[in-house]
Amino acid sequence: MPVSRSEPTPRVEVRRSGRRRRTVSAYVEDDRIVVLVPDNLSKAEERDWVRKMVARLQRREQRARRTDEDLLRRACALSDQYLGGLAQPSSVTWVANQRARWGSCTPKDRTIRLSERLQRLPDWVVDYVIVHELAHLIEPGHNEAFWGWVGHYPHTAKAKGYLLGWSDAARLAPPDAATGLPLGDAD
């Protein structure tokens, strides 16, 4: 079932479990959202958790539906906001073949490719990867000038830490000494 903002009240099934102590989880099954909660939650706590979990699934679904055209528009807006409009990509696309990278850029034809793995991550992290790749349209290498451009994005340090933690947890690759990111990530 596609969960979307145009569907304000999706069907929700709450399943209580006596074995579940603290965790709450949710997933889409057929035409409804199933929320799994501990049996000891009050009705008010249950309502709060159902609201949170439905909103989380809706955000995830919305991110997964972003088209390449949406990505290009987002990249242009980020370039205007943080790079003075100097980095204008010809295309920004989702790709499935990047398992050791978050993104890549070809400055010669001004194309940017983003790993589909990013679709599961928060928007501010995706924006960081886009800004990182946009900066390569201004400075191809990872020199001081390049990092100066990337540093205009206010969540750079936090996003780099998030990606490093995610990559370490997934054991994707050892970190590069110069960037602190797994080798090949966000290049």
Protein backbone atom coordinates (compact mmCIF):
# COMPACT_ATOMS: atom_id res chain seq x y z
CA MET A 1 0.00 0.00 0.00
CA PRO A 2 1.54 3.30 -0.94
CA VAL A 3 1.42 5.52 2.11
CA SER A 4 1.23 9.16 1.11
CA ARG A 5 0.31 12.59 2.32
CA SER A 6 -2.65 12.58 -0.06
CA GLU A 7 -4.00 9.70 2.02
CA PRO A 8 -4.44 11.43 5.40
CA THR A 9 -5.97 8.49 7.29
CA PRO A 10 -4.39 5.23 6.20
CA ARG A 11 -5.81 2.03 7.65
CA VAL A 12 -3.87 1.11 10.75
CA GLU A 13 -3.83 -2.18 12.62
CA VAL A 14 -2.32 -2.19 16.10
CA ARG A 15 -0.95 -5.50 17.36
CA ARG A 16 -0.18 -5.72 21.08
CA SER A 17 2.32 -8.23 22.39
CA GLY A 18 2.99 -9.36 25.93
CA ARG A 19 6.47 -10.47 24.85
CA ARG A 20 7.35 -7.01 23.57
CA ARG A 21 8.71 -4.87 26.43
CA ARG A 22 9.85 -1.50 25.09
CA THR A 23 10.13 -1.46 21.32
CA VAL A 24 7.56 -0.19 18.86
CA SER A 25 7.80 -0.94 15.16
CA ALA A 26 5.66 -0.53 12.07
CA TYR A 27 5.50 -1.77 8.51
CA VAL A 28 3.16 -1.77 5.53
CA GLU A 29 1.23 -4.99 4.94
CA ASP A 30 -1.19 -5.24 2.02
CA ASP A 31 -3.46 -2.19 2.31
CA ARG A 32 -2.70 -1.13 5.87
CA ILE A 33 0.00 -0.06 8.30
CA VAL A 34 0.72 -2.55 11.07
CA VAL A 35 2.06 -1.09 14.31
CA LEU A 36 3.54 -3.50 16.86
CA VAL A 37 3.44 -2.23 20.46
CA PRO A 38 4.08 -3.63 23.95
CA ASP A 39 0.94 -4.82 25.72
CA ASN A 40 1.67 -2.59 28.73
CA LEU A 41 1.19 0.72 26.86
CA SER A 42 -1.75 2.90 27.85
CA LYS A 43 -4.26 3.86 25.16
CA ALA A 44 -2.81 7.40 25.11
CA GLU A 45 0.75 6.06 24.67
CA GLU A 46 -0.52 3.74 21.94
CA ARG A 47 -2.16 6.66 20.09
CA ASP A 48 1.07 8.70 20.34
CA TRP A 49 3.17 5.81 19.02
CA VAL A 50 0.75 5.06 16.18
CA ARG A 51 0.86 8.73 15.12
CA LYS A 52 4.69 8.76 15.22
CA MET A 53 5.10 5.49 13.36
CA VAL A 54 2.57 6.38 10.62
CA ALA A 55 4.33 9.73 10.12
CA ARG A 56 7.71 7.96 9.93
CA LEU A 57 6.46 5.53 7.28
CA GLN A 58 4.89 8.38 5.30
CA ARG A 59 8.19 10.32 5.31
CA ARG A 60 10.11 7.23 4.20
CA GLU A 61 7.63 6.59 1.39
CA GLN A 62 7.82 10.24 0.29
CA ARG A 63 11.63 10.11 0.13
CA ALA A 64 11.54 6.89 -1.87
CA ARG A 65 9.21 8.51 -4.40
CA ARG A 66 11.52 11.44 -5.17
CA THR A 67 12.17 11.41 -8.89
CA ASP A 68 15.35 12.36 -10.69
CA GLU A 69 13.64 15.63 -11.65
CA ASP A 70 12.96 16.27 -7.94
CA LEU A 71 16.63 15.62 -7.20
CA LEU A 72 17.75 18.02 -9.93
CA ARG A 73 15.45 20.75 -8.57
CA ARG A 74 16.73 20.10 -5.05
CA ALA A 75 20.36 20.24 -6.21
CA CYS A 76 19.79 23.57 -7.98
CA ALA A 77 18.13 25.00 -4.86
CA LEU A 78 21.03 23.80 -2.67
CA SER A 79 23.54 25.26 -5.13
CA ASP A 80 21.76 28.61 -4.99
CA GLN A 81 21.53 28.54 -1.20
CA TYR A 82 25.01 27.32 -0.27
CA LEU A 83 27.25 27.66 -3.34
CA GLY A 84 26.11 30.94 -4.81
CA GLY A 85 24.49 29.14 -7.75
CA LEU A 86 27.93 28.30 -9.18
CA ALA A 87 27.33 24.54 -9.40
CA GLN A 88 24.70 23.73 -11.99
CA PRO A 89 24.37 20.00 -12.68
CA SER A 90 22.95 18.72 -15.96
CA SER A 91 21.36 15.77 -14.16
CA VAL A 92 21.01 14.19 -10.72
CA THR A 93 19.87 10.58 -10.69
CA TRP A 94 19.33 7.67 -8.31
CA VAL A 95 21.50 4.65 -9.13
CA ALA A 96 21.45 1.11 -7.78
CA ASN A 97 25.04 0.20 -8.61
CA GLN A 98 26.82 2.24 -5.91
CA ARG A 99 27.44 -0.04 -2.95
CA ALA A 100 30.66 1.56 -1.67
CA ARG A 101 29.76 5.20 -2.43
CA TRP A 102 26.99 7.54 -1.41
CA GLY A 103 27.34 9.63 -4.53
CA SER A 104 29.53 10.37 -7.50
CA CYS A 105 30.04 13.24 -9.88
CA THR A 106 31.44 13.61 -13.37
CA PRO A 107 32.44 17.28 -13.69
CA LYS A 108 33.04 17.00 -17.45
CA ASP A 109 29.37 16.34 -18.23
CA ARG A 110 28.07 17.84 -14.95
CA THR A 111 26.21 14.68 -13.91
CA ILE A 112 25.62 13.56 -10.34
CA ARG A 113 24.60 10.08 -9.27
CA LEU A 114 23.27 9.24 -5.80
CA SER A 115 23.12 5.78 -4.30
CA GLU A 116 19.59 4.49 -3.77
CA ARG A 117 20.72 3.64 -0.22
CA LEU A 118 20.33 7.34 0.57
CA GLN A 119 16.56 7.08 0.14
CA ARG A 120 16.36 5.59 3.64
CA LEU A 121 18.35 8.38 5.29
CA PRO A 122 17.22 11.77 6.62
CA ASP A 123 16.82 14.63 4.15
CA TRP A 124 19.64 16.69 5.74
CA VAL A 125 22.04 13.80 5.07
CA VAL A 126 20.89 13.50 1.44
CA ASP A 127 21.30 17.26 1.10
CA TYR A 128 24.87 17.00 2.41
CA VAL A 129 25.74 14.36 -0.22
CA ILE A 130 24.18 16.54 -2.92
CA VAL A 131 26.16 19.60 -1.75
CA HIS A 132 29.33 17.46 -1.63
CA GLU A 133 28.79 16.35 -5.23
CA LEU A 134 27.85 19.88 -6.33
CA ALA A 135 31.12 21.15 -4.86
CA HIS A 136 32.94 18.81 -7.25
CA LEU A 137 31.47 20.83 -10.12
CA ILE A 138 33.44 23.80 -8.74
CA GLU A 139 36.53 21.96 -7.39
CA PRO A 140 37.05 18.42 -8.75
CA GLY A 141 39.41 17.19 -6.01
CA HIS A 142 39.16 16.99 -2.23
CA ASN A 143 41.45 19.96 -1.64
CA GLU A 144 41.09 22.79 0.85
CA ALA A 145 39.02 24.89 -1.56
CA PHE A 146 36.64 21.98 -2.12
CA TRP A 147 36.08 21.50 1.63
CA GLY A 148 35.58 25.26 1.95
CA TRP A 149 32.64 25.02 -0.48
CA VAL A 150 31.21 21.94 1.25
CA GLY A 151 31.55 23.71 4.59
CA HIS A 152 28.92 26.24 3.54
CA TYR A 153 26.30 23.55 4.22
CA PRO A 154 25.48 23.94 7.94
CA HIS A 155 25.04 20.22 8.67
CA THR A 156 28.31 19.06 7.08
CA ALA A 157 30.00 17.76 10.24
CA LYS A 158 26.84 16.12 11.55
CA ALA A 159 26.09 14.47 8.17
CA LYS A 160 29.67 13.22 7.78
CA GLY A 161 29.43 11.69 11.24
CA TYR A 162 26.06 10.15 10.43
CA LEU A 163 27.36 8.58 7.21
CA LEU A 164 30.53 7.38 8.91
CA GLY A 165 28.49 5.75 11.68
CA TRP A 166 26.05 4.21 9.21
CA SER A 167 28.87 2.88 7.06
CA ASP A 168 30.74 1.53 10.06
CA ALA A 169 27.61 -0.22 11.30
CA ALA A 170 27.06 -1.70 7.84
CA ARG A 171 30.80 -2.47 7.58
CA LEU A 172 30.94 -1.01 4.08
CA ALA A 173 34.56 0.06 3.93
CA PRO A 174 37.35 1.38 6.16
CA PRO A 175 37.51 5.17 6.48
CA ASP A 176 39.73 7.26 4.25
CA ALA A 177 42.27 9.14 6.40
CA ALA A 178 41.81 12.41 4.48
CA THR A 179 38.01 12.62 4.51
CA GLY A 180 36.99 10.48 7.47
CA LEU A 181 34.45 8.80 5.22
CA PRO A 182 34.54 5.22 3.93
CA LEU A 183 36.73 5.01 0.86
CA GLY A 184 34.83 6.24 -2.17
CA ASP A 185 31.85 7.59 -0.20
CA ALA A 186 30.42 10.96 -1.20
CA ASP A 187 32.88 11.33 -4.05
